[in-house]
Each structure stands twice: as structure tokens, then as C-alpha cells.
Amino acid sequence: MLVLDKDNFQENVLDASGFVLVDYWSDGCEPCKALMPDVEALAAEYEGKVVFAKLNTMKARRLAISQRVLGLPTIILYKDGEKVGEVTKDDASKDGIKNMIEAHI
């Protein structure tokens, strides 16, 4: 799973071709940490189809805000740098993420 920061986000997400899923999380977000094993399991399941990445919003707050991430957990699916799907809060579950991916690939 790719670890994003403000220096590599543009290259790995906005300038990337194909699908990139970004897990926006923070150290203080317990639901985010609880969801991480599910996200990592989905990364293995969709290997070769979707690039999975995570961004700690505590270290890149302006970047998260620029992507309109206003609450956590937030999972956003990008295709060719454009946001095509998003799940937040209660919908940010393994099934919710899988449904979003399946709707777009």
C-alpha cells in the first residue's frame, strides 16, 4: 500500500492513469484505524486493477481540505486523476468500499 504525503500526492494520484483509491485517515481516528485491515485486504483483492494508497491527514491537512475531505474516515476512488467515487463515515466499511469499486471498474 502506497503511503502518500503532500510531496508525492500529485504524481501518484492526480497525475496517475487508471484507478487509485486513497484512504484518508489520521492518528486520532479510531474508526480509521479499525478500517485499515479491511482496506489492506481489499488492496490484495484488487491488486493489478486499483492502486491503494493512504494519506495521514494530520501531516497533510491542506491537501486533505483541497480534496474536500472534511470528515474521517473518507475513502476516495480516483480514475485518471478525477474523483469518481467516495465513501465516508458509516458507509466507509469493507462492503461500502467494495461496492464503490465495483460500480466503477
PDB file of N, CA and C in Angstrom:
ATOM      1  N   MET A   1       0.857  -1.189   0.000  1.00  0.00           N
ATOM      2  CA  MET A   1       0.000   0.000   0.000  1.00  0.00           C
ATOM      3  C   MET A   1       0.891   1.235   0.000  1.00  0.00           C
ATOM      4  N   LEU A   2       0.603   2.110  -0.918  1.00  0.00           N
ATOM      5  CA  LEU A   2       1.399   3.313  -1.101  1.00  0.00           C
ATOM      6  C   LEU A   2       1.097   4.331   0.005  1.00  0.00           C
ATOM      7  N   VAL A   3       2.139   4.879   0.602  1.00  0.00           N
ATOM      8  CA  VAL A   3       1.963   5.921   1.626  1.00  0.00           C
ATOM      9  C   VAL A   3       2.138   7.276   0.939  1.00  0.00           C
ATOM     10  N   LEU A   4       1.080   8.077   1.010  1.00  0.00           N
ATOM     11  CA  LEU A   4       1.089   9.385   0.349  1.00  0.00           C
ATOM     12  C   LEU A   4       1.455  10.498   1.318  1.00  0.00           C
ATOM     13  N   ASP A   5       1.993  11.579   0.754  1.00  0.00           N
ATOM     14  CA  ASP A   5       2.209  12.810   1.500  1.00  0.00           C
ATOM     15  C   ASP A   5       2.051  13.969   0.514  1.00  0.00           C
ATOM     16  N   LYS A   6       2.231  15.172   1.021  1.00  0.00           N
ATOM     17  CA  LYS A   6       2.000  16.332   0.149  1.00  0.00           C
ATOM     18  C   LYS A   6       2.978  16.392  -1.020  1.00  0.00           C
ATOM     19  N   ASP A   7       4.129  15.730  -0.888  1.00  0.00           N
ATOM     20  CA  ASP A   7       5.132  15.766  -1.947  1.00  0.00           C
ATOM     21  C   ASP A   7       4.870  14.775  -3.076  1.00  0.00           C
ATOM     22  N   ASN A   8       4.209  13.647  -2.782  1.00  0.00           N
ATOM     23  CA  ASN A   8       4.011  12.647  -3.835  1.00  0.00           C
ATOM     24  C   ASN A   8       2.554  12.453  -4.253  1.00  0.00           C
ATOM     25  N   PHE A   9       1.622  13.199  -3.652  1.00  0.00           N
ATOM     26  CA  PHE A   9       0.195  13.040  -3.956  1.00  0.00           C
ATOM     27  C   PHE A   9      -0.113  13.364  -5.414  1.00  0.00           C
ATOM     28  N   GLN A  10       0.383  14.488  -5.891  1.00  0.00           N
ATOM     29  CA  GLN A  10       0.116  14.914  -7.275  1.00  0.00           C
ATOM     30  C   GLN A  10       0.519  13.818  -8.265  1.00  0.00           C
ATOM     31  N   GLU A  11       1.741  13.343  -8.120  1.00  0.00           N
ATOM     32  CA  GLU A  11       2.283  12.348  -9.045  1.00  0.00           C
ATOM     33  C   GLU A  11       1.539  11.013  -8.976  1.00  0.00           C
ATOM     34  N   ASN A  12       1.251  10.544  -7.747  1.00  0.00           N
ATOM     35  CA  ASN A  12       0.685   9.211  -7.565  1.00  0.00           C
ATOM     36  C   ASN A  12      -0.832   9.141  -7.621  1.00  0.00           C
ATOM     37  N   VAL A  13      -1.510  10.273  -7.532  1.00  0.00           N
ATOM     38  CA  VAL A  13      -2.973  10.265  -7.559  1.00  0.00           C
ATOM     39  C   VAL A  13      -3.502  11.109  -8.714  1.00  0.00           C
ATOM     40  N   LEU A  14      -3.222  12.406  -8.688  1.00  0.00           N
ATOM     41  CA  LEU A  14      -3.823  13.307  -9.670  1.00  0.00           C
ATOM     42  C   LEU A  14      -3.242  13.143 -11.075  1.00  0.00           C
ATOM     43  N   ASP A  15      -1.970  12.762 -11.177  1.00  0.00           N
ATOM     44  CA  ASP A  15      -1.344  12.571 -12.487  1.00  0.00           C
ATOM     45  C   ASP A  15      -1.320  11.104 -12.911  1.00  0.00           C
ATOM     46  N   ALA A  16      -1.859  10.222 -12.079  1.00  0.00           N
ATOM     47  CA  ALA A  16      -1.813   8.783 -12.367  1.00  0.00           C
ATOM     48  C   ALA A  16      -2.870   8.405 -13.401  1.00  0.00           C
ATOM     49  N   SER A  17      -2.561   7.362 -14.167  1.00  0.00           N
ATOM     50  CA  SER A  17      -3.582   6.832 -15.066  1.00  0.00           C
ATOM     51  C   SER A  17      -4.155   5.575 -14.426  1.00  0.00           C
ATOM     52  N   GLY A  18      -5.430   5.359 -14.667  1.00  0.00           N
ATOM     53  CA  GLY A  18      -6.100   4.218 -14.054  1.00  0.00           C
ATOM     54  C   GLY A  18      -6.705   4.583 -12.714  1.00  0.00           C
ATOM     55  N   PHE A  19      -7.039   3.546 -11.947  1.00  0.00           N
ATOM     56  CA  PHE A  19      -7.736   3.729 -10.674  1.00  0.00           C
ATOM     57  C   PHE A  19      -6.766   3.810  -9.504  1.00  0.00           C
ATOM     58  N   VAL A  20      -6.997   4.811  -8.642  1.00  0.00           N
ATOM     59  CA  VAL A  20      -6.244   4.946  -7.398  1.00  0.00           C
ATOM     60  C   VAL A  20      -7.260   5.177  -6.280  1.00  0.00           C
ATOM     61  N   LEU A  21      -7.194   4.353  -5.243  1.00  0.00           N
ATOM     62  CA  LEU A  21      -8.062   4.520  -4.087  1.00  0.00           C
ATOM     63  C   LEU A  21      -7.225   5.108  -2.957  1.00  0.00           C
ATOM     64  N   VAL A  22      -7.720   6.201  -2.367  1.00  0.00           N
ATOM     65  CA  VAL A  22      -6.986   6.854  -1.278  1.00  0.00           C
ATOM     66  C   VAL A  22      -7.799   6.740   0.012  1.00  0.00           C
ATOM     67  N   ASP A  23      -7.151   6.173   1.021  1.00  0.00           N
ATOM     68  CA  ASP A  23      -7.716   6.068   2.362  1.00  0.00           C
ATOM     69  C   ASP A  23      -7.200   7.267   3.162  1.00  0.00           C
ATOM     70  N   TYR A  24      -8.084   8.228   3.429  1.00  0.00           N
ATOM     71  CA  TYR A  24      -7.731   9.396   4.239  1.00  0.00           C
ATOM     72  C   TYR A  24      -7.974   9.020   5.699  1.00  0.00           C
ATOM     73  N   TRP A  25      -6.946   9.146   6.537  1.00  0.00           N
ATOM     74  CA  TRP A  25      -7.033   8.739   7.933  1.00  0.00           C
ATOM     75  C   TRP A  25      -6.181   9.673   8.790  1.00  0.00           C
ATOM     76  N   SER A  26      -6.289   9.508  10.103  1.00  0.00           N
ATOM     77  CA  SER A  26      -5.394  10.245  10.998  1.00  0.00           C
ATOM     78  C   SER A  26      -5.123   9.408  12.237  1.00  0.00           C
ATOM     79  N   ASP A  27      -4.064   9.778  12.956  1.00  0.00           N
ATOM     80  CA  ASP A  27      -3.666   9.040  14.158  1.00  0.00           C
ATOM     81  C   ASP A  27      -4.767   9.015  15.211  1.00  0.00           C
ATOM     82  N   GLY A  28      -5.561  10.079  15.276  1.00  0.00           N
ATOM     83  CA  GLY A  28      -6.585  10.176  16.312  1.00  0.00           C
ATOM     84  C   GLY A  28      -7.933   9.602  15.916  1.00  0.00           C
ATOM     85  N   CYS A  29      -8.032   9.008  14.737  1.00  0.00           N
ATOM     86  CA  CYS A  29      -9.313   8.491  14.241  1.00  0.00           C
ATOM     87  C   CYS A  29      -9.380   6.981  14.461  1.00  0.00           C
ATOM     88  N   GLU A  30     -10.054   6.570  15.522  1.00  0.00           N
ATOM     89  CA  GLU A  30     -10.162   5.138  15.829  1.00  0.00           C
ATOM     90  C   GLU A  30     -10.910   4.361  14.743  1.00  0.00           C
ATOM     91  N   PRO A  31     -12.035   4.883  14.207  1.00  0.00           N
ATOM     92  CA  PRO A  31     -12.701   4.150  13.114  1.00  0.00           C
ATOM     93  C   PRO A  31     -11.777   3.956  11.898  1.00  0.00           C
ATOM     94  N   CYS A  32     -10.908   4.945  11.644  1.00  0.00           N
ATOM     95  CA  CYS A  32      -9.957   4.827  10.525  1.00  0.00           C
ATOM     96  C   CYS A  32      -9.012   3.660  10.757  1.00  0.00           C
ATOM     97  N   LYS A  33      -8.489   3.578  11.981  1.00  0.00           N
ATOM     98  CA  LYS A  33      -7.531   2.515  12.296  1.00  0.00           C
ATOM     99  C   LYS A  33      -8.218   1.151  12.270  1.00  0.00           C
ATOM    100  N   ALA A  34      -9.470   1.088  12.706  1.00  0.00           N
ATOM    101  CA  ALA A  34     -10.210  -0.172  12.688  1.00  0.00           C
ATOM    102  C   ALA A  34     -10.480  -0.633  11.250  1.00  0.00           C
ATOM    103  N   LEU A  35     -10.631   0.323  10.346  1.00  0.00           N
ATOM    104  CA  LEU A  35     -10.936   0.015   8.944  1.00  0.00           C
ATOM    105  C   LEU A  35      -9.697  -0.411   8.151  1.00  0.00           C
ATOM    106  N   MET A  36      -8.524  -0.021   8.617  1.00  0.00           N
ATOM    107  CA  MET A  36      -7.294  -0.250   7.840  1.00  0.00           C
ATOM    108  C   MET A  36      -7.058  -1.708   7.426  1.00  0.00           C
ATOM    109  N   PRO A  37      -7.265  -2.710   8.306  1.00  0.00           N
ATOM    110  CA  PRO A  37      -7.064  -4.094   7.853  1.00  0.00           C
ATOM    111  C   PRO A  37      -8.003  -4.477   6.699  1.00  0.00           C
ATOM    112  N   ASP A  38      -9.235  -3.958   6.721  1.00  0.00           N
ATOM    113  CA  ASP A  38     -10.176  -4.230   5.628  1.00  0.00           C
ATOM    114  C   ASP A  38      -9.684  -3.597   4.329  1.00  0.00           C
ATOM    115  N   VAL A  39      -9.174  -2.377   4.424  1.00  0.00           N
ATOM    116  CA  VAL A  39      -8.658  -1.691   3.237  1.00  0.00           C
ATOM    117  C   VAL A  39      -7.461  -2.459   2.681  1.00  0.00           C
ATOM    118  N   GLU A  40      -6.605  -2.946   3.566  1.00  0.00           N
ATOM    119  CA  GLU A  40      -5.438  -3.708   3.118  1.00  0.00           C
ATOM    120  C   GLU A  40      -5.851  -5.032   2.476  1.00  0.00           C
ATOM    121  N   ALA A  41      -6.908  -5.660   2.991  1.00  0.00           N
ATOM    122  CA  ALA A  41      -7.423  -6.898   2.387  1.00  0.00           C
ATOM    123  C   ALA A  41      -7.976  -6.613   0.988  1.00  0.00           C
ATOM    124  N   LEU A  42      -8.685  -5.497   0.837  1.00  0.00           N
ATOM    125  CA  LEU A  42      -9.202  -5.118  -0.482  1.00  0.00           C
ATOM    126  C   LEU A  42      -8.062  -4.792  -1.440  1.00  0.00           C
ATOM    127  N   ALA A  43      -6.981  -4.216  -0.929  1.00  0.00           N
ATOM    128  CA  ALA A  43      -5.819  -3.913  -1.772  1.00  0.00           C
ATOM    129  C   ALA A  43      -5.273  -5.190  -2.392  1.00  0.00           C
ATOM    130  N   ALA A  44      -5.229  -6.254  -1.606  1.00  0.00           N
ATOM    131  CA  ALA A  44      -4.748  -7.543  -2.123  1.00  0.00           C
ATOM    132  C   ALA A  44      -5.737  -8.101  -3.138  1.00  0.00           C
ATOM    133  N   GLU A  45      -7.027  -7.952  -2.850  1.00  0.00           N
ATOM    134  CA  GLU A  45      -8.070  -8.486  -3.735  1.00  0.00           C
ATOM    135  C   GLU A  45      -8.082  -7.793  -5.100  1.00  0.00           C
ATOM    136  N   TYR A  46      -7.830  -6.489  -5.105  1.00  0.00           N
ATOM    137  CA  TYR A  46      -7.904  -5.710  -6.355  1.00  0.00           C
ATOM    138  C   TYR A  46      -6.532  -5.383  -6.930  1.00  0.00           C
ATOM    139  N   GLU A  47      -5.512  -6.097  -6.489  1.00  0.00           N
ATOM    140  CA  GLU A  47      -4.156  -5.858  -6.989  1.00  0.00           C
ATOM    141  C   GLU A  47      -4.131  -5.998  -8.509  1.00  0.00           C
ATOM    142  N   GLY A  48      -3.505  -5.022  -9.156  1.00  0.00           N
ATOM    143  CA  GLY A  48      -3.453  -5.033 -10.616  1.00  0.00           C
ATOM    144  C   GLY A  48      -4.595  -4.267 -11.265  1.00  0.00           C
ATOM    145  N   LYS A  49      -5.657  -3.996 -10.509  1.00  0.00           N
ATOM    146  CA  LYS A  49      -6.804  -3.248 -11.043  1.00  0.00           C
ATOM    147  C   LYS A  49      -6.896  -1.851 -10.442  1.00  0.00           C
ATOM    148  N   VAL A  50      -6.585  -1.758  -9.137  1.00  0.00           N
ATOM    149  CA  VAL A  50      -6.684  -0.492  -8.404  1.00  0.00           C
ATOM    150  C   VAL A  50      -5.427  -0.334  -7.553  1.00  0.00           C
ATOM    151  N   VAL A  51      -4.816   0.844  -7.610  1.00  0.00           N
ATOM    152  CA  VAL A  51      -3.691   1.152  -6.727  1.00  0.00           C
ATOM    153  C   VAL A  51      -4.267   1.676  -5.420  1.00  0.00           C
ATOM    154  N   PHE A  52      -3.873   1.078  -4.311  1.00  0.00           N
ATOM    155  CA  PHE A  52      -4.355   1.505  -3.000  1.00  0.00           C
ATOM    156  C   PHE A  52      -3.288   2.359  -2.323  1.00  0.00           C
ATOM    157  N   ALA A  53      -3.738   3.462  -1.729  1.00  0.00           N
ATOM    158  CA  ALA A  53      -2.822   4.384  -1.068  1.00  0.00           C
ATOM    159  C   ALA A  53      -3.498   4.947   0.172  1.00  0.00           C
ATOM    160  N   LYS A  54      -2.689   5.466   1.082  1.00  0.00           N
ATOM    161  CA  LYS A  54      -3.261   6.094   2.275  1.00  0.00           C
ATOM    162  C   LYS A  54      -2.549   7.405   2.562  1.00  0.00           C
ATOM    163  N   LEU A  55      -3.317   8.335   3.099  1.00  0.00           N
ATOM    164  CA  LEU A  55      -2.785   9.658   3.414  1.00  0.00           C
ATOM    165  C   LEU A  55      -3.183  10.010   4.841  1.00  0.00           C
ATOM    166  N   ASN A  56      -2.175  10.278   5.677  1.00  0.00           N
ATOM    167  CA  ASN A  56      -2.431  10.720   7.044  1.00  0.00           C
ATOM    168  C   ASN A  56      -2.749  12.218   6.993  1.00  0.00           C
ATOM    169  N   THR A  57      -3.991  12.559   7.261  1.00  0.00           N
ATOM    170  CA  THR A  57      -4.426  13.953   7.134  1.00  0.00           C
ATOM    171  C   THR A  57      -3.791  14.862   8.181  1.00  0.00           C
ATOM    172  N   MET A  58      -3.272  14.302   9.272  1.00  0.00           N
ATOM    173  CA  MET A  58      -2.600  15.130  10.282  1.00  0.00           C
ATOM    174  C   MET A  58      -1.330  15.751   9.706  1.00  0.00           C
ATOM    175  N   LYS A  59      -0.730  15.060   8.739  1.00  0.00           N
ATOM    176  CA  LYS A  59       0.523  15.533   8.151  1.00  0.00           C
ATOM    177  C   LYS A  59       0.298  16.291   6.848  1.00  0.00           C
ATOM    178  N   ALA A  60      -0.942  16.302   6.363  1.00  0.00           N
ATOM    179  CA  ALA A  60      -1.228  16.960   5.081  1.00  0.00           C
ATOM    180  C   ALA A  60      -2.633  17.549   5.113  1.00  0.00           C
ATOM    181  N   ARG A  61      -2.871  18.391   6.100  1.00  0.00           N
ATOM    182  CA  ARG A  61      -4.217  18.934   6.310  1.00  0.00           C
ATOM    183  C   ARG A  61      -4.713  19.760   5.123  1.00  0.00           C
ATOM    184  N   ARG A  62      -3.875  20.640   4.592  1.00  0.00           N
ATOM    185  CA  ARG A  62      -4.295  21.474   3.452  1.00  0.00           C
ATOM    186  C   ARG A  62      -4.626  20.626   2.238  1.00  0.00           C
ATOM    187  N   LEU A  63      -3.828  19.598   2.025  1.00  0.00           N
ATOM    188  CA  LEU A  63      -4.060  18.693   0.905  1.00  0.00           C
ATOM    189  C   LEU A  63      -5.409  17.993   1.058  1.00  0.00           C
ATOM    190  N   ALA A  64      -5.702  17.504   2.255  1.00  0.00           N
ATOM    191  CA  ALA A  64      -6.992  16.847   2.505  1.00  0.00           C
ATOM    192  C   ALA A  64      -8.147  17.818   2.250  1.00  0.00           C
ATOM    193  N   ILE A  65      -8.008  19.033   2.724  1.00  0.00           N
ATOM    194  CA  ILE A  65      -9.059  20.036   2.517  1.00  0.00           C
ATOM    195  C   ILE A  65      -9.213  20.346   1.029  1.00  0.00           C
ATOM    196  N   SER A  66      -8.101  20.393   0.297  1.00  0.00           N
ATOM    197  CA  SER A  66      -8.175  20.665  -1.149  1.00  0.00           C
ATOM    198  C   SER A  66      -8.930  19.560  -1.882  1.00  0.00           C
ATOM    199  N   GLN A  67      -8.957  18.359  -1.307  1.00  0.00           N
ATOM    200  CA  GLN A  67      -9.700  17.239  -1.893  1.00  0.00           C
ATOM    201  C   GLN A  67     -11.103  17.125  -1.286  1.00  0.00           C
ATOM    202  N   ARG A  68     -11.492  18.149  -0.531  1.00  0.00           N
ATOM    203  CA  ARG A  68     -12.799  18.231   0.111  1.00  0.00           C
ATOM    204  C   ARG A  68     -13.054  17.103   1.112  1.00  0.00           C
ATOM    205  N   VAL A  69     -11.984  16.698   1.791  1.00  0.00           N
ATOM    206  CA  VAL A  69     -12.102  15.706   2.857  1.00  0.00           C
ATOM    207  C   VAL A  69     -12.360  16.482   4.143  1.00  0.00           C
ATOM    208  N   LEU A  70     -13.595  16.426   4.600  1.00  0.00           N
ATOM    209  CA  LEU A  70     -13.986  17.243   5.744  1.00  0.00           C
ATOM    210  C   LEU A  70     -14.217  16.413   6.998  1.00  0.00           C
ATOM    211  N   GLY A  71     -14.319  15.100   6.850  1.00  0.00           N
ATOM    212  CA  GLY A  71     -14.504  14.213   7.992  1.00  0.00           C
ATOM    213  C   GLY A  71     -13.810  12.896   7.721  1.00  0.00           C
ATOM    214  N   LEU A  72     -13.588  12.140   8.772  1.00  0.00           N
ATOM    215  CA  LEU A  72     -12.915  10.849   8.630  1.00  0.00           C
ATOM    216  C   LEU A  72     -13.773   9.748   9.250  1.00  0.00           C
ATOM    217  N   PRO A  73     -13.647   8.522   8.798  1.00  0.00           N
ATOM    218  CA  PRO A  73     -12.837   8.105   7.659  1.00  0.00           C
ATOM    219  C   PRO A  73     -13.465   8.495   6.326  1.00  0.00           C
ATOM    220  N   THR A  74     -12.614   8.786   5.363  1.00  0.00           N
ATOM    221  CA  THR A  74     -13.038   9.069   3.991  1.00  0.00           C
ATOM    222  C   THR A  74     -12.172   8.242   3.049  1.00  0.00           C
ATOM    223  N   ILE A  75     -12.828   7.544   2.143  1.00  0.00           N
ATOM    224  CA  ILE A  75     -12.141   6.757   1.119  1.00  0.00           C
ATOM    225  C   ILE A  75     -12.593   7.309  -0.227  1.00  0.00           C
ATOM    226  N   ILE A  76     -11.643   7.722  -1.058  1.00  0.00           N
ATOM    227  CA  ILE A  76     -11.987   8.292  -2.367  1.00  0.00           C
ATOM    228  C   ILE A  76     -11.331   7.463  -3.462  1.00  0.00           C
ATOM    229  N   LEU A  77     -12.121   7.186  -4.501  1.00  0.00           N
ATOM    230  CA  LEU A  77     -11.622   6.476  -5.675  1.00  0.00           C
ATOM    231  C   LEU A  77     -11.439   7.483  -6.803  1.00  0.00           C
ATOM    232  N   TYR A  78     -10.235   7.495  -7.366  1.00  0.00           N
ATOM    233  CA  TYR A  78      -9.906   8.377  -8.482  1.00  0.00           C
ATOM    234  C   TYR A  78      -9.682   7.534  -9.730  1.00  0.00           C
ATOM    235  N   LYS A  79     -10.060   8.076 -10.875  1.00  0.00           N
ATOM    236  CA  LYS A  79      -9.721   7.452 -12.155  1.00  0.00           C
ATOM    237  C   LYS A  79      -9.073   8.528 -13.008  1.00  0.00           C
ATOM    238  N   ASP A  80      -7.840   8.269 -13.446  1.00  0.00           N
ATOM    239  CA  ASP A  80      -7.084   9.231 -14.250  1.00  0.00           C
ATOM    240  C   ASP A  80      -7.055  10.611 -13.585  1.00  0.00           C
ATOM    241  N   GLY A  81      -6.926  10.622 -12.258  1.00  0.00           N
ATOM    242  CA  GLY A  81      -6.805  11.869 -11.512  1.00  0.00           C
ATOM    243  C   GLY A  81      -8.105  12.551 -11.143  1.00  0.00           C
ATOM    244  N   GLU A  82      -9.237  12.006 -11.609  1.00  0.00           N
ATOM    245  CA  GLU A  82     -10.544  12.594 -11.299  1.00  0.00           C
ATOM    246  C   GLU A  82     -11.257  11.760 -10.241  1.00  0.00           C
ATOM    247  N   LYS A  83     -11.893  12.427  -9.300  1.00  0.00           N
ATOM    248  CA  LYS A  83     -12.658  11.726  -8.268  1.00  0.00           C
ATOM    249  C   LYS A  83     -13.908  11.106  -8.898  1.00  0.00           C
ATOM    250  N   VAL A  84     -14.052   9.783  -8.761  1.00  0.00           N
ATOM    251  CA  VAL A  84     -15.224   9.113  -9.342  1.00  0.00           C
ATOM    252  C   VAL A  84     -16.116   8.484  -8.280  1.00  0.00           C
ATOM    253  N   GLY A  85     -15.603   8.319  -7.060  1.00  0.00           N
ATOM    254  CA  GLY A  85     -16.413   7.722  -6.004  1.00  0.00           C
ATOM    255  C   GLY A  85     -15.873   8.095  -4.642  1.00  0.00           C
ATOM    256  N   GLU A  86     -16.756   8.061  -3.658  1.00  0.00           N
ATOM    257  CA  GLU A  86     -16.349   8.434  -2.301  1.00  0.00           C
ATOM    258  C   GLU A  86     -17.268   7.758  -1.295  1.00  0.00           C
ATOM    259  N   VAL A  87     -16.681   7.229  -0.241  1.00  0.00           N
ATOM    260  CA  VAL A  87     -17.462   6.742   0.897  1.00  0.00           C
ATOM    261  C   VAL A  87     -16.906   7.401   2.157  1.00  0.00           C
ATOM    262  N   THR A  88     -17.817   7.788   3.045  1.00  0.00           N
ATOM    263  CA  THR A  88     -17.405   8.467   4.276  1.00  0.00           C
ATOM    264  C   THR A  88     -18.174   7.910   5.466  1.00  0.00           C
ATOM    265  N   LYS A  89     -17.663   8.208   6.624  1.00  0.00           N
ATOM    266  CA  LYS A  89     -18.307   7.893   7.900  1.00  0.00           C
ATOM    267  C   LYS A  89     -18.866   6.465   7.937  1.00  0.00           C
ATOM    268  N   ASP A  90     -20.185   6.312   8.085  1.00  0.00           N
ATOM    269  CA  ASP A  90     -20.800   4.992   8.249  1.00  0.00           C
ATOM    270  C   ASP A  90     -20.695   4.127   6.993  1.00  0.00           C
ATOM    271  N   ASP A  91     -20.645   4.756   5.816  1.00  0.00           N
ATOM    272  CA  ASP A  91     -20.520   3.988   4.575  1.00  0.00           C
ATOM    273  C   ASP A  91     -19.097   3.484   4.359  1.00  0.00           C
ATOM    274  N   ALA A  92     -18.149   4.008   5.112  1.00  0.00           N
ATOM    275  CA  ALA A  92     -16.746   3.599   4.974  1.00  0.00           C
ATOM    276  C   ALA A  92     -16.536   2.272   5.708  1.00  0.00           C
ATOM    277  N   SER A  93     -17.039   1.214   5.075  1.00  0.00           N
ATOM    278  CA  SER A  93     -16.889  -0.148   5.583  1.00  0.00           C
ATOM    279  C   SER A  93     -16.308  -0.984   4.451  1.00  0.00           C
ATOM    280  N   LYS A  94     -15.905  -2.202   4.761  1.00  0.00           N
ATOM    281  CA  LYS A  94     -15.341  -3.055   3.710  1.00  0.00           C
ATOM    282  C   LYS A  94     -16.348  -3.226   2.573  1.00  0.00           C
ATOM    283  N   ASP A  95     -17.615  -3.500   2.920  1.00  0.00           N
ATOM    284  CA  ASP A  95     -18.643  -3.670   1.891  1.00  0.00           C
ATOM    285  C   ASP A  95     -18.896  -2.377   1.130  1.00  0.00           C
ATOM    286  N   GLY A  96     -18.921  -1.260   1.848  1.00  0.00           N
ATOM    287  CA  GLY A  96     -19.160   0.030   1.210  1.00  0.00           C
ATOM    288  C   GLY A  96     -18.054   0.374   0.206  1.00  0.00           C
ATOM    289  N   ILE A  97     -16.812   0.112   0.598  1.00  0.00           N
ATOM    290  CA  ILE A  97     -15.685   0.383  -0.291  1.00  0.00           C
ATOM    291  C   ILE A  97     -15.735  -0.542  -1.504  1.00  0.00           C
ATOM    292  N   LYS A  98     -16.005  -1.826  -1.254  1.00  0.00           N
ATOM    293  CA  LYS A  98     -16.068  -2.808  -2.338  1.00  0.00           C
ATOM    294  C   LYS A  98     -17.164  -2.445  -3.336  1.00  0.00           C
ATOM    295  N   ASN A  99     -18.329  -2.044  -2.827  1.00  0.00           N
ATOM    296  CA  ASN A  99     -19.432  -1.637  -3.709  1.00  0.00           C
ATOM    297  C   ASN A  99     -19.051  -0.444  -4.570  1.00  0.00           C
ATOM    298  N   MET A 100     -18.345   0.529  -3.971  1.00  0.00           N
ATOM    299  CA  MET A 100     -17.906   1.701  -4.726  1.00  0.00           C
ATOM    300  C   MET A 100     -16.941   1.284  -5.835  1.00  0.00           C
ATOM    301  N   ILE A 101     -15.973   0.423  -5.498  1.00  0.00           N
ATOM    302  CA  ILE A 101     -15.005  -0.024  -6.500  1.00  0.00           C
ATOM    303  C   ILE A 101     -15.725  -0.760  -7.631  1.00  0.00           C
ATOM    304  N   GLU A 102     -16.587  -1.694  -7.275  1.00  0.00           N
ATOM    305  CA  GLU A 102     -17.289  -2.500  -8.282  1.00  0.00           C
ATOM    306  C   GLU A 102     -18.167  -1.654  -9.203  1.00  0.00           C
ATOM    307  N   ALA A 103     -18.673  -0.546  -8.690  1.00  0.00           N
ATOM    308  CA  ALA A 103     -19.530   0.334  -9.505  1.00  0.00           C
ATOM    309  C   ALA A 103     -18.726   1.061 -10.588  1.00  0.00           C
ATOM    310  N   HIS A 104     -17.389   1.117 -10.434  1.00  0.00           N
ATOM    311  CA  HIS A 104     -16.577   1.930 -11.344  1.00  0.00           C
ATOM    312  C   HIS A 104     -15.582   1.161 -12.194  1.00  0.00           C
ATOM    313  N   ILE A 105     -15.193  -0.037 -11.772  1.00  0.00           N
ATOM    314  CA  ILE A 105     -14.196  -0.743 -12.584  1.00  0.00           C
ATOM    315  C   ILE A 105     -14.826  -1.676 -13.600  1.00  0.00           C
TER     316      ILE A 105
END
